[in-house]
C-alpha cells in the first residue's frame, strides 16, 4: 500500500474513532471503514480526471 494512502486511511480512521466516542478495541473496524470510504471515493472520480492531458499534435489532421 502506498504510504500516502495509508496515511490518509490512518487520519480518517482517527476521525471515525473520535466521532464514535473514542472507544477502545475497535481500531480494525475504524481502519476498514476508513479504507472503504477512501477507496470508494477514489473509484467514483471520473476516469478523465485520472488521465494525463493529451498533447496537441503539430501534424495537420488532413492532407488536402
N, C-alpha and C. Protein backbone atom coordinates (compact mmCIF):
# COMPACT_ATOMS: atom_id res chain seq x y z
N UNK A 1 0.86 -1.19 0.00
CA UNK A 1 0.00 0.00 0.00
C UNK A 1 0.89 1.24 0.00
N UNK A 2 0.50 2.21 -0.79
CA UNK A 2 1.25 3.46 -0.87
C UNK A 2 1.28 4.15 0.50
N UNK A 3 2.41 4.73 0.87
CA UNK A 3 2.48 5.44 2.15
C UNK A 3 1.47 6.58 2.25
N UNK A 4 1.23 7.29 1.15
CA UNK A 4 0.28 8.41 1.19
C UNK A 4 -1.14 7.91 1.44
N UNK A 5 -1.51 6.79 0.82
CA UNK A 5 -2.84 6.22 1.02
C UNK A 5 -2.98 5.72 2.45
N UNK A 6 -1.97 5.05 2.95
CA UNK A 6 -2.01 4.55 4.33
C UNK A 6 -2.16 5.71 5.32
N UNK A 7 -1.50 6.81 5.06
CA UNK A 7 -1.60 7.98 5.94
C UNK A 7 -3.01 8.57 5.90
N UNK A 8 -3.60 8.65 4.71
CA UNK A 8 -4.97 9.17 4.60
C UNK A 8 -5.96 8.26 5.31
N UNK A 9 -5.76 6.94 5.21
CA UNK A 9 -6.63 5.99 5.90
C UNK A 9 -6.46 6.16 7.41
N UNK A 10 -5.23 6.28 7.85
CA UNK A 10 -4.95 6.46 9.28
C UNK A 10 -5.65 7.71 9.82
N UNK A 11 -5.56 8.80 9.08
CA UNK A 11 -6.19 10.05 9.53
C UNK A 11 -7.71 9.92 9.56
N UNK A 12 -8.28 9.26 8.53
CA UNK A 12 -9.74 9.09 8.51
C UNK A 12 -10.20 8.14 9.61
N UNK A 13 -9.44 7.09 9.88
CA UNK A 13 -9.78 6.16 10.96
C UNK A 13 -9.75 6.89 12.31
N UNK A 14 -8.81 7.79 12.48
CA UNK A 14 -8.74 8.59 13.71
C UNK A 14 -9.98 9.48 13.84
N UNK A 15 -10.40 10.08 12.73
CA UNK A 15 -11.61 10.91 12.74
C UNK A 15 -12.83 10.07 13.13
N UNK A 16 -12.92 8.87 12.57
CA UNK A 16 -14.04 7.98 12.89
C UNK A 16 -14.00 7.62 14.37
N UNK A 17 -12.82 7.29 14.87
CA UNK A 17 -12.65 6.95 16.29
C UNK A 17 -13.11 8.09 17.18
N UNK A 18 -12.72 9.31 16.83
CA UNK A 18 -13.16 10.49 17.61
C UNK A 18 -14.67 10.65 17.55
N UNK A 19 -15.23 10.48 16.36
CA UNK A 19 -16.66 10.70 16.15
C UNK A 19 -17.52 9.65 16.86
N UNK A 20 -16.96 8.48 17.10
CA UNK A 20 -17.73 7.40 17.73
C UNK A 20 -17.45 7.25 19.22
N UNK A 21 -16.88 8.28 19.82
CA UNK A 21 -16.71 8.28 21.27
C UNK A 21 -15.40 7.73 21.79
N UNK A 22 -14.41 7.55 20.94
CA UNK A 22 -13.07 7.11 21.33
C UNK A 22 -13.06 5.79 22.09
N UNK A 23 -13.90 4.90 21.67
CA UNK A 23 -14.00 3.59 22.32
C UNK A 23 -12.81 2.72 21.92
N UNK A 24 -12.17 2.11 22.90
CA UNK A 24 -11.03 1.22 22.64
C UNK A 24 -11.50 -0.11 22.06
N UNK A 25 -10.60 -0.77 21.36
CA UNK A 25 -10.86 -2.11 20.86
C UNK A 25 -11.54 -2.17 19.50
N UNK A 26 -11.69 -1.05 18.83
CA UNK A 26 -12.37 -1.05 17.54
C UNK A 26 -11.48 -0.48 16.43
N UNK A 27 -10.18 -0.50 16.64
CA UNK A 27 -9.24 0.08 15.68
C UNK A 27 -9.36 -0.57 14.30
N UNK A 28 -9.47 -1.90 14.28
CA UNK A 28 -9.58 -2.59 12.98
C UNK A 28 -10.85 -2.18 12.25
N UNK A 29 -11.94 -2.07 12.97
CA UNK A 29 -13.21 -1.65 12.38
C UNK A 29 -13.10 -0.24 11.80
N UNK A 30 -12.47 0.66 12.55
CA UNK A 30 -12.31 2.03 12.09
C UNK A 30 -11.40 2.10 10.87
N UNK A 31 -10.32 1.32 10.90
CA UNK A 31 -9.40 1.28 9.76
C UNK A 31 -10.13 0.80 8.51
N UNK A 32 -10.87 -0.30 8.62
CA UNK A 32 -11.56 -0.84 7.46
C UNK A 32 -12.63 0.11 6.94
N UNK A 33 -13.32 0.79 7.83
CA UNK A 33 -14.33 1.77 7.41
C UNK A 33 -13.67 2.91 6.64
N UNK A 34 -12.56 3.40 7.17
CA UNK A 34 -11.84 4.50 6.52
C UNK A 34 -11.30 4.05 5.16
N UNK A 35 -10.74 2.86 5.12
CA UNK A 35 -10.19 2.33 3.86
C UNK A 35 -11.30 2.20 2.82
N UNK A 36 -12.43 1.67 3.21
CA UNK A 36 -13.56 1.51 2.29
C UNK A 36 -14.01 2.85 1.75
N UNK A 37 -14.18 3.84 2.65
CA UNK A 37 -14.60 5.18 2.23
C UNK A 37 -13.66 5.77 1.19
N UNK A 38 -12.38 5.71 1.47
CA UNK A 38 -11.40 6.33 0.58
C UNK A 38 -11.30 5.60 -0.76
N UNK A 39 -11.37 4.29 -0.74
CA UNK A 39 -11.27 3.55 -1.99
C UNK A 39 -12.51 3.73 -2.85
N UNK A 40 -13.67 3.77 -2.22
CA UNK A 40 -14.90 4.01 -2.98
C UNK A 40 -14.89 5.41 -3.58
N UNK A 41 -14.47 6.40 -2.81
CA UNK A 41 -14.44 7.76 -3.35
C UNK A 41 -13.43 7.89 -4.48
N UNK A 42 -12.33 7.16 -4.41
CA UNK A 42 -11.33 7.19 -5.48
C UNK A 42 -11.89 6.57 -6.76
N UNK A 43 -12.71 5.54 -6.62
CA UNK A 43 -13.30 4.90 -7.80
C UNK A 43 -14.36 5.76 -8.45
N UNK A 44 -14.97 6.64 -7.69
CA UNK A 44 -16.04 7.49 -8.22
C UNK A 44 -15.51 8.67 -9.02
N UNK A 45 -14.23 8.96 -8.93
CA UNK A 45 -13.66 10.07 -9.69
C UNK A 45 -13.75 9.73 -11.17
N UNK A 46 -14.07 10.71 -11.98
CA UNK A 46 -14.13 10.44 -13.43
C UNK A 46 -12.79 9.95 -13.94
N UNK A 47 -12.84 9.02 -14.86
CA UNK A 47 -11.61 8.47 -15.43
C UNK A 47 -10.80 9.56 -16.11
N UNK A 48 -11.46 10.49 -16.76
CA UNK A 48 -10.75 11.56 -17.45
C UNK A 48 -9.90 12.39 -16.49
N UNK A 49 -10.33 12.51 -15.26
CA UNK A 49 -9.56 13.28 -14.28
C UNK A 49 -8.26 12.57 -13.91
N UNK A 50 -8.20 11.26 -14.10
CA UNK A 50 -7.01 10.49 -13.76
C UNK A 50 -6.01 10.39 -14.91
N UNK A 51 -6.47 10.70 -16.13
CA UNK A 51 -5.62 10.57 -17.30
C UNK A 51 -4.80 11.84 -17.54
N UNK A 52 -3.61 11.70 -18.08
CA UNK A 52 -2.83 12.89 -18.41
C UNK A 52 -3.51 13.67 -19.54
N UNK A 53 -3.27 14.96 -19.57
CA UNK A 53 -3.84 15.80 -20.61
C UNK A 53 -3.16 15.48 -21.93
N UNK A 54 -3.94 15.21 -22.98
CA UNK A 54 -3.33 14.89 -24.28
C UNK A 54 -2.60 16.10 -24.85
N UNK A 55 -1.48 15.83 -25.50
CA UNK A 55 -0.72 16.90 -26.15
C UNK A 55 -1.28 17.13 -27.54
N UNK A 56 -1.23 18.36 -27.97
CA UNK A 56 -1.69 18.69 -29.32
C UNK A 56 -0.61 18.29 -30.31
N UNK A 57 -1.04 17.68 -31.37
CA UNK A 57 -0.13 17.25 -32.41
C UNK A 57 0.23 18.44 -33.32
N UNK A 58 1.46 18.48 -33.77
CA UNK A 58 1.86 19.53 -34.69
C UNK A 58 1.57 19.13 -36.13
N UNK A 59 1.14 17.89 -36.34
CA UNK A 59 0.82 17.41 -37.69
C UNK A 59 -0.58 17.87 -38.09
N UNK A 60 -0.77 18.15 -39.36
CA UNK A 60 -2.12 18.52 -39.81
C UNK A 60 -3.04 17.29 -39.69
N UNK A 61 -4.33 17.55 -39.47
CA UNK A 61 -5.27 16.46 -39.32
C UNK A 61 -5.66 15.84 -40.65
N UNK A 62 -5.51 16.59 -41.73
CA UNK A 62 -5.80 16.03 -43.05
C UNK A 62 -4.82 16.57 -44.07
N UNK A 63 -4.65 15.82 -45.10
CA UNK A 63 -3.74 16.23 -46.16
C UNK A 63 -4.56 16.61 -47.39
N UNK A 64 -4.95 17.84 -47.53
CA UNK A 64 -5.78 18.29 -48.65
C UNK A 64 -4.95 18.87 -49.73
